[in-house]
């Protein structure tokens, strides 16, 4: 994959990451895999920076997902009492 192809893929992911949420039909693990596939290629520093931003976005979404899961478990436990 050439640098221009990598740029196109990163640009696509930047658009998608601006729209995804923890309730989407594609799990966050899918998007992690897409990023990992890109990291295997040799990248320019600006591309690495953009990938790092996308990874940070996924981390925030993962934290949100875990918080939501914890809250649901706590609510479910409280309801059962």
N, C-alpha and C. Protein backbone atom coordinates (compact mmCIF):
# COMPACT_ATOMS: atom_id res chain seq x y z
N UNK A 1 0.85 -1.17 0.00
CA UNK A 1 0.00 0.00 0.00
C UNK A 1 0.90 1.23 0.00
N UNK A 2 0.70 2.11 -0.96
CA UNK A 2 1.51 3.32 -1.06
C UNK A 2 1.03 4.40 -0.11
N UNK A 3 1.81 5.47 0.00
CA UNK A 3 1.49 6.56 0.92
C UNK A 3 0.15 7.22 0.58
N UNK A 4 -0.16 7.34 -0.70
CA UNK A 4 -1.45 7.94 -1.08
C UNK A 4 -2.62 7.03 -0.68
N UNK A 5 -2.44 5.72 -0.82
CA UNK A 5 -3.48 4.78 -0.40
C UNK A 5 -3.68 4.83 1.11
N UNK A 6 -2.57 4.94 1.83
CA UNK A 6 -2.65 5.05 3.28
C UNK A 6 -3.38 6.33 3.66
N UNK A 7 -3.07 7.43 2.99
CA UNK A 7 -3.76 8.70 3.25
C UNK A 7 -5.26 8.56 3.02
N UNK A 8 -5.64 7.89 1.96
CA UNK A 8 -7.06 7.70 1.66
C UNK A 8 -7.74 6.87 2.75
N UNK A 9 -7.09 5.82 3.19
CA UNK A 9 -7.65 4.97 4.24
C UNK A 9 -7.77 5.74 5.55
N UNK A 10 -6.74 6.49 5.90
CA UNK A 10 -6.79 7.29 7.12
C UNK A 10 -7.91 8.33 7.02
N UNK A 11 -8.04 8.98 5.88
CA UNK A 11 -9.10 9.97 5.69
C UNK A 11 -10.47 9.33 5.86
N UNK A 12 -10.64 8.15 5.31
CA UNK A 12 -11.91 7.43 5.46
C UNK A 12 -12.17 7.13 6.94
N UNK A 13 -11.17 6.63 7.63
CA UNK A 13 -11.34 6.30 9.05
C UNK A 13 -11.62 7.55 9.88
N UNK A 14 -11.01 8.66 9.53
CA UNK A 14 -11.28 9.92 10.25
C UNK A 14 -12.75 10.32 10.12
N UNK A 15 -13.31 10.14 8.93
CA UNK A 15 -14.74 10.44 8.74
C UNK A 15 -15.59 9.47 9.56
N UNK A 16 -15.29 8.18 9.45
CA UNK A 16 -16.07 7.17 10.16
C UNK A 16 -15.97 7.37 11.66
N UNK A 17 -14.77 7.64 12.17
CA UNK A 17 -14.59 7.77 13.61
C UNK A 17 -15.33 8.99 14.15
N UNK A 18 -15.61 9.95 13.30
CA UNK A 18 -16.41 11.09 13.72
C UNK A 18 -17.88 10.75 13.86
N UNK A 19 -18.28 9.58 13.36
CA UNK A 19 -19.68 9.18 13.35
C UNK A 19 -19.99 7.98 14.24
N UNK A 20 -19.00 7.17 14.55
CA UNK A 20 -19.29 5.92 15.26
C UNK A 20 -19.61 6.17 16.73
N UNK A 21 -20.31 5.21 17.30
CA UNK A 21 -20.59 5.22 18.73
C UNK A 21 -20.45 3.78 19.22
N UNK A 22 -20.61 3.60 20.50
CA UNK A 22 -20.47 2.27 21.08
C UNK A 22 -21.66 1.38 20.72
N UNK A 23 -22.71 1.95 20.15
CA UNK A 23 -23.90 1.17 19.78
C UNK A 23 -23.96 0.81 18.31
N UNK A 24 -22.92 1.07 17.56
CA UNK A 24 -22.90 0.74 16.14
C UNK A 24 -22.86 -0.76 15.94
N UNK A 25 -23.23 -1.17 14.73
CA UNK A 25 -23.25 -2.60 14.46
C UNK A 25 -21.85 -3.19 14.32
N UNK A 26 -20.88 -2.36 13.97
CA UNK A 26 -19.49 -2.84 13.93
C UNK A 26 -18.88 -2.63 15.31
N UNK A 27 -18.36 -3.68 15.92
CA UNK A 27 -17.75 -3.50 17.25
C UNK A 27 -16.46 -2.68 17.16
N UNK A 28 -16.09 -2.08 18.27
CA UNK A 28 -14.86 -1.28 18.30
C UNK A 28 -13.64 -2.12 17.93
N UNK A 29 -13.68 -3.41 18.23
CA UNK A 29 -12.55 -4.28 17.89
C UNK A 29 -12.30 -4.30 16.37
N UNK A 30 -13.36 -4.19 15.58
CA UNK A 30 -13.21 -4.14 14.13
C UNK A 30 -12.36 -2.94 13.72
N UNK A 31 -12.66 -1.78 14.32
CA UNK A 31 -11.93 -0.56 13.97
C UNK A 31 -10.49 -0.63 14.48
N UNK A 32 -10.28 -1.28 15.63
CA UNK A 32 -8.91 -1.48 16.12
C UNK A 32 -8.12 -2.32 15.10
N UNK A 33 -8.75 -3.34 14.57
CA UNK A 33 -8.07 -4.18 13.58
C UNK A 33 -7.73 -3.39 12.32
N UNK A 34 -8.63 -2.53 11.91
CA UNK A 34 -8.35 -1.71 10.72
C UNK A 34 -7.14 -0.82 10.95
N UNK A 35 -7.04 -0.24 12.15
CA UNK A 35 -5.87 0.59 12.46
C UNK A 35 -4.60 -0.24 12.54
N UNK A 36 -4.68 -1.40 13.16
CA UNK A 36 -3.49 -2.26 13.27
C UNK A 36 -2.99 -2.68 11.89
N UNK A 37 -3.91 -2.92 10.98
CA UNK A 37 -3.50 -3.29 9.62
C UNK A 37 -2.71 -2.17 8.96
N UNK A 38 -3.09 -0.94 9.23
CA UNK A 38 -2.36 0.20 8.67
C UNK A 38 -1.00 0.38 9.30
N UNK A 39 -0.88 0.11 10.57
CA UNK A 39 0.37 0.33 11.27
C UNK A 39 1.48 -0.56 10.74
N UNK A 40 1.15 -1.62 10.10
CA UNK A 40 2.18 -2.52 9.58
C UNK A 40 2.92 -1.91 8.39
N UNK A 41 2.28 -0.99 7.75
CA UNK A 41 2.89 -0.34 6.59
C UNK A 41 3.86 0.74 7.07
N UNK A 42 4.82 1.04 6.23
CA UNK A 42 5.71 2.16 6.57
C UNK A 42 4.94 3.45 6.33
N UNK A 43 4.98 4.32 7.32
CA UNK A 43 4.21 5.56 7.25
C UNK A 43 5.10 6.77 7.44
N UNK A 44 4.60 7.87 6.93
CA UNK A 44 5.25 9.15 7.14
C UNK A 44 4.84 9.66 8.53
N UNK A 45 5.64 10.55 9.14
CA UNK A 45 5.32 11.05 10.47
C UNK A 45 3.92 11.66 10.58
N UNK A 46 3.47 12.38 9.57
CA UNK A 46 2.13 12.97 9.63
C UNK A 46 1.05 11.89 9.65
N UNK A 47 1.30 10.78 8.97
CA UNK A 47 0.34 9.67 8.98
C UNK A 47 0.31 9.00 10.35
N UNK A 48 1.49 8.86 10.95
CA UNK A 48 1.54 8.27 12.30
C UNK A 48 0.78 9.12 13.31
N UNK A 49 0.89 10.42 13.17
CA UNK A 49 0.19 11.34 14.06
C UNK A 49 -1.33 11.19 13.89
N UNK A 50 -1.79 11.10 12.67
CA UNK A 50 -3.22 10.92 12.42
C UNK A 50 -3.72 9.60 12.98
N UNK A 51 -2.92 8.54 12.84
CA UNK A 51 -3.28 7.24 13.40
C UNK A 51 -3.34 7.33 14.92
N UNK A 52 -2.41 8.03 15.53
CA UNK A 52 -2.41 8.19 16.99
C UNK A 52 -3.69 8.89 17.45
N UNK A 53 -4.15 9.87 16.71
CA UNK A 53 -5.41 10.55 17.05
C UNK A 53 -6.59 9.60 16.95
N UNK A 54 -6.59 8.77 15.91
CA UNK A 54 -7.67 7.79 15.76
C UNK A 54 -7.65 6.77 16.90
N UNK A 55 -6.46 6.35 17.30
CA UNK A 55 -6.34 5.42 18.42
C UNK A 55 -6.87 6.05 19.71
N UNK A 56 -6.59 7.32 19.90
CA UNK A 56 -7.10 8.02 21.09
C UNK A 56 -8.63 8.08 21.07
N UNK A 57 -9.20 8.30 19.90
CA UNK A 57 -10.66 8.30 19.77
C UNK A 57 -11.23 6.94 20.15
N UNK A 58 -10.60 5.88 19.67
CA UNK A 58 -11.07 4.53 20.01
C UNK A 58 -10.93 4.26 21.51
N UNK A 59 -9.86 4.74 22.13
CA UNK A 59 -9.70 4.56 23.58
C UNK A 59 -10.85 5.21 24.33
N UNK A 60 -11.20 6.42 23.92
CA UNK A 60 -12.31 7.12 24.58
C UNK A 60 -13.62 6.36 24.39
N UNK A 61 -13.85 5.85 23.20
CA UNK A 61 -15.06 5.06 22.95
C UNK A 61 -15.06 3.78 23.78
N UNK A 62 -13.91 3.15 23.90
CA UNK A 62 -13.80 1.92 24.70
C UNK A 62 -14.11 2.22 26.16
N UNK A 63 -13.57 3.33 26.67
CA UNK A 63 -13.85 3.72 28.06
C UNK A 63 -15.34 3.99 28.25
N UNK A 64 -15.96 4.66 27.28
CA UNK A 64 -17.40 4.92 27.35
C UNK A 64 -18.18 3.61 27.36
N UNK A 65 -17.75 2.67 26.52
CA UNK A 65 -18.40 1.37 26.45
C UNK A 65 -18.30 0.64 27.79
N UNK A 66 -17.12 0.66 28.39
CA UNK A 66 -16.93 -0.01 29.67
C UNK A 66 -17.73 0.65 30.79
N UNK A 67 -17.80 1.98 30.77
CA UNK A 67 -18.59 2.70 31.78
C UNK A 67 -20.06 2.34 31.64
N UNK A 68 -20.56 2.31 30.42
CA UNK A 68 -21.96 1.95 30.18
C UNK A 68 -22.23 0.53 30.65
N UNK A 69 -21.33 -0.39 30.35
CA UNK A 69 -21.50 -1.79 30.77
C UNK A 69 -21.53 -1.89 32.29
N UNK A 70 -20.63 -1.18 32.96
CA UNK A 70 -20.57 -1.20 34.42
C UNK A 70 -21.87 -0.64 35.03
N UNK A 71 -22.36 0.45 34.46
CA UNK A 71 -23.60 1.06 34.95
C UNK A 71 -24.78 0.11 34.76
N UNK A 72 -24.84 -0.57 33.63
CA UNK A 72 -25.93 -1.53 33.39
C UNK A 72 -25.86 -2.67 34.39
N UNK A 73 -24.67 -3.17 34.66
CA UNK A 73 -24.52 -4.27 35.63
C UNK A 73 -24.95 -3.81 37.01
N UNK A 74 -24.55 -2.59 37.39
CA UNK A 74 -24.91 -2.05 38.69
C UNK A 74 -26.42 -1.87 38.79
N UNK A 75 -27.05 -1.36 37.72
CA UNK A 75 -28.50 -1.17 37.72
C UNK A 75 -29.22 -2.50 37.78
N UNK A 76 -28.70 -3.49 37.07
CA UNK A 76 -29.31 -4.81 37.07
C UNK A 76 -29.22 -5.45 38.45
N UNK A 77 -28.09 -5.27 39.11
CA UNK A 77 -27.91 -5.82 40.46
C UNK A 77 -28.85 -5.12 41.44
N UNK A 78 -28.99 -3.82 41.33
CA UNK A 78 -29.86 -3.04 42.23
C UNK A 78 -31.32 -3.43 42.02
N UNK A 79 -31.71 -3.72 40.79
CA UNK A 79 -33.08 -4.12 40.48
C UNK A 79 -33.41 -5.48 41.05
N UNK A 80 -32.45 -6.37 41.10
CA UNK A 80 -32.66 -7.71 41.59
C UNK A 80 -32.82 -7.76 43.10
N UNK A 81 -32.41 -6.74 43.80
CA UNK A 81 -32.48 -6.76 45.27
C UNK A 81 -33.84 -6.51 45.76
